[in-house]
Amino acid sequence: MLIIDDIDLHMPLAGSIERAACPPGFFLAWCANLQMLSDDFSRRHADALVRLRMRDLTPGEFLITCGDGRFGTEELNARGRAFADSYYQVQYLNDFAATFDKNGPDDEHIYDVEDNWANYDKLAGVLTRRLYGSQSSPQASTGRKPRNRAASWLRVITGGRKD
């Protein structure tokens, strides 16, 4: 298994496990909400997934509970791995920082972002736009005008709330 992220990498700037778990936890929770977790991981952590989707467990708590503070390629399905491979190491922390008005991934204030659902919702829209923006254009392959999938998924993920 290839490790994608581990809270130990965040600890020097974060200072606590809870603060270190927030950035990777948001990504893993978003993958869960878009059905991008592996079947094996989903089966092993079915109860925690229900709690996550009911918003009874925060994204950081989900990462700590289910992944011992790390996640890798085995936790994701093929679609999740493909997106993580092309996006996570290259752009994710930059988007995380920009979403929360921080100076970049090396800014220790990136860890001031609270592990809560309001903050997750802000980032989920960015991630969904990145996912659907990274795929080939449906219009090019079908000749039809594409639906706004990002907006549709955003409504599903955030329960229709507009922030």
Protein backbone atom coordinates (compact mmCIF):
# COMPACT_ATOMS: atom_id res chain seq x y z
CA MET A 1 0.00 0.00 0.00
CA LEU A 2 1.18 3.47 -0.88
CA ILE A 3 0.51 6.02 1.89
CA ILE A 4 -1.15 9.15 0.51
CA ASP A 5 -1.12 11.14 3.75
CA ASP A 6 -0.34 10.63 7.41
CA ILE A 7 -1.00 13.01 10.29
CA ASP A 8 2.58 12.45 11.46
CA LEU A 9 3.66 14.54 8.46
CA HIS A 10 1.48 17.41 9.71
CA MET A 11 2.41 17.23 13.39
CA PRO A 12 5.44 19.59 13.35
CA LEU A 13 3.25 22.53 12.24
CA ALA A 14 -0.10 21.34 13.62
CA GLY A 15 1.01 20.70 17.18
CA SER A 16 -1.83 18.28 17.98
CA ILE A 17 -3.38 15.16 16.55
CA GLU A 18 -6.78 16.83 16.14
CA ARG A 19 -5.34 19.77 14.18
CA ALA A 20 -3.14 17.48 12.06
CA ALA A 21 -6.11 15.26 11.17
CA CYS A 22 -8.24 18.02 9.69
CA PRO A 23 -6.74 18.46 6.17
CA PRO A 24 -6.39 14.75 5.32
CA GLY A 25 -9.64 13.97 7.13
CA PHE A 26 -11.59 16.37 4.93
CA PHE A 27 -10.24 14.67 1.82
CA LEU A 28 -10.98 11.15 3.05
CA ALA A 29 -14.51 12.15 4.15
CA TRP A 30 -15.12 13.73 0.75
CA CYS A 31 -13.97 10.49 -0.91
CA ALA A 32 -16.43 8.61 1.30
CA ASN A 33 -19.28 10.91 0.31
CA LEU A 34 -18.51 10.47 -3.39
CA GLN A 35 -18.33 6.66 -3.16
CA MET A 36 -14.57 6.61 -3.82
CA LEU A 37 -13.59 4.28 -0.97
CA SER A 38 -12.62 0.68 -1.60
CA ASP A 39 -15.24 -1.98 -0.94
CA ASP A 40 -13.00 -3.61 1.66
CA PHE A 41 -12.46 -0.35 3.58
CA SER A 42 -16.18 0.45 3.38
CA ARG A 43 -17.12 -2.98 4.74
CA ARG A 44 -14.59 -2.84 7.59
CA HIS A 45 -15.73 0.62 8.64
CA ALA A 46 -19.45 0.47 7.80
CA ASP A 47 -20.56 1.81 11.20
CA ALA A 48 -18.16 4.74 11.08
CA LEU A 49 -19.23 5.52 7.50
CA VAL A 50 -22.85 5.74 8.63
CA ARG A 51 -21.83 8.06 11.47
CA LEU A 52 -19.78 10.17 9.04
CA ARG A 53 -22.63 10.47 6.56
CA MET A 54 -25.03 11.34 9.37
CA ARG A 55 -22.48 13.98 10.43
CA ASP A 56 -22.19 12.42 13.85
CA LEU A 57 -18.44 11.95 13.31
CA THR A 58 -16.23 14.76 11.99
CA PRO A 59 -13.88 14.18 9.05
CA GLY A 60 -10.81 14.30 11.30
CA GLU A 61 -12.39 11.85 13.76
CA PHE A 62 -13.18 9.55 10.84
CA LEU A 63 -9.52 9.59 9.71
CA ILE A 64 -8.27 8.85 13.22
CA THR A 65 -10.91 6.20 13.92
CA CYS A 66 -10.74 4.31 10.62
CA GLY A 67 -7.24 4.95 9.38
CA ASP A 68 -5.21 5.46 12.53
CA GLY A 69 -4.40 8.93 11.21
CA ARG A 70 -3.34 7.89 7.73
CA PHE A 71 -4.82 6.80 4.46
CA GLY A 72 -3.41 5.24 1.37
CA THR A 73 -4.23 3.64 -1.92
CA GLU A 74 -5.88 0.60 -0.31
CA GLU A 75 -8.59 2.76 1.25
CA LEU A 76 -9.65 4.13 -2.15
CA ASN A 77 -11.28 2.51 -5.16
CA ALA A 78 -9.88 2.94 -8.69
CA ARG A 79 -11.63 6.28 -9.22
CA GLY A 80 -10.45 7.58 -5.85
CA ARG A 81 -6.87 6.44 -6.47
CA ALA A 82 -6.81 8.06 -9.91
CA PHE A 83 -8.01 11.38 -8.52
CA ALA A 84 -5.72 11.26 -5.48
CA ASP A 85 -2.74 10.39 -7.72
CA SER A 86 -3.31 13.37 -9.98
CA TYR A 87 -4.44 15.89 -7.37
CA TYR A 88 -3.62 15.24 -3.73
CA GLN A 89 0.17 15.68 -3.58
CA VAL A 90 0.19 18.36 -6.27
CA GLN A 91 -2.70 20.67 -5.42
CA TYR A 92 -4.80 19.60 -2.44
CA LEU A 93 -3.09 21.53 0.36
CA ASN A 94 -2.90 24.63 -1.85
CA ASP A 95 -6.66 24.44 -2.41
CA PHE A 96 -7.21 23.76 1.29
CA ALA A 97 -5.17 26.85 2.20
CA ALA A 98 -6.86 29.06 -0.42
CA THR A 99 -10.35 27.94 0.64
CA PHE A 100 -9.68 29.06 4.20
CA ASP A 101 -7.65 32.19 3.35
CA LYS A 102 -4.34 30.82 4.56
CA ASN A 103 -0.97 31.66 3.00
CA GLY A 104 -0.27 28.19 1.65
CA PRO A 105 0.41 24.66 2.77
CA ASP A 106 3.54 25.66 4.72
CA ASP A 107 1.63 28.22 6.79
CA GLU A 108 1.14 26.87 10.31
CA HIS A 109 -2.21 28.69 10.39
CA ILE A 110 -3.56 26.13 7.93
CA TYR A 111 -4.09 24.01 11.04
CA ASP A 112 -6.31 26.65 12.63
CA VAL A 113 -9.15 25.41 10.41
CA GLU A 114 -11.65 23.67 12.67
CA ASP A 115 -12.64 20.10 11.99
CA ASN A 116 -16.35 20.73 11.51
CA TRP A 117 -19.01 20.25 8.86
CA ALA A 118 -19.33 23.94 7.93
CA ASN A 119 -15.65 23.99 6.96
CA TYR A 120 -15.92 20.63 5.21
CA ASP A 121 -18.80 22.00 3.13
CA LYS A 122 -16.65 24.93 1.97
CA LEU A 123 -13.90 22.59 0.78
CA ALA A 124 -16.20 19.89 -0.66
CA GLY A 125 -17.33 22.22 -3.43
CA VAL A 126 -13.73 22.93 -4.41
CA LEU A 127 -12.86 19.23 -4.47
CA THR A 128 -15.94 18.34 -6.51
CA ARG A 129 -15.14 21.03 -9.07
CA ARG A 130 -11.56 19.72 -9.25
CA LEU A 131 -12.78 16.16 -9.76
CA TYR A 132 -15.21 16.95 -12.54
CA GLY A 133 -12.95 19.57 -14.07
CA SER A 134 -10.17 16.98 -14.34
CA GLN A 135 -12.22 14.52 -16.38
CA SER A 136 -12.59 14.72 -20.14
CA SER A 137 -15.47 16.80 -21.41
CA PRO A 138 -18.72 14.80 -21.81
CA GLN A 139 -19.63 17.07 -24.72
CA ALA A 140 -16.52 16.01 -26.62
CA SER A 141 -17.41 12.32 -26.39
CA THR A 142 -21.21 12.52 -26.81
CA GLY A 143 -21.81 15.73 -28.72
CA ARG A 144 -24.33 16.77 -26.03
CA LYS A 145 -24.08 19.70 -23.71
CA PRO A 146 -22.73 18.47 -20.32
CA ARG A 147 -24.84 18.65 -17.19
CA ASN A 148 -23.41 20.58 -14.31
CA ARG A 149 -22.33 17.50 -12.36
CA ALA A 150 -20.28 19.46 -9.85
CA ALA A 151 -23.33 21.47 -8.83
CA SER A 152 -25.44 18.30 -8.58
CA TRP A 153 -22.87 16.53 -6.40
CA LEU A 154 -22.36 19.63 -4.32
CA ARG A 155 -26.08 19.67 -3.53
CA VAL A 156 -25.91 15.98 -2.55
CA ILE A 157 -22.80 16.39 -0.40
CA THR A 158 -23.98 19.51 1.43
CA GLY A 159 -27.61 18.50 1.71
CA GLY A 160 -28.68 21.35 -0.56
CA ARG A 161 -27.22 24.05 1.68
CA LYS A 162 -25.64 27.08 0.03
CA ASP A 163 -22.78 28.70 1.95
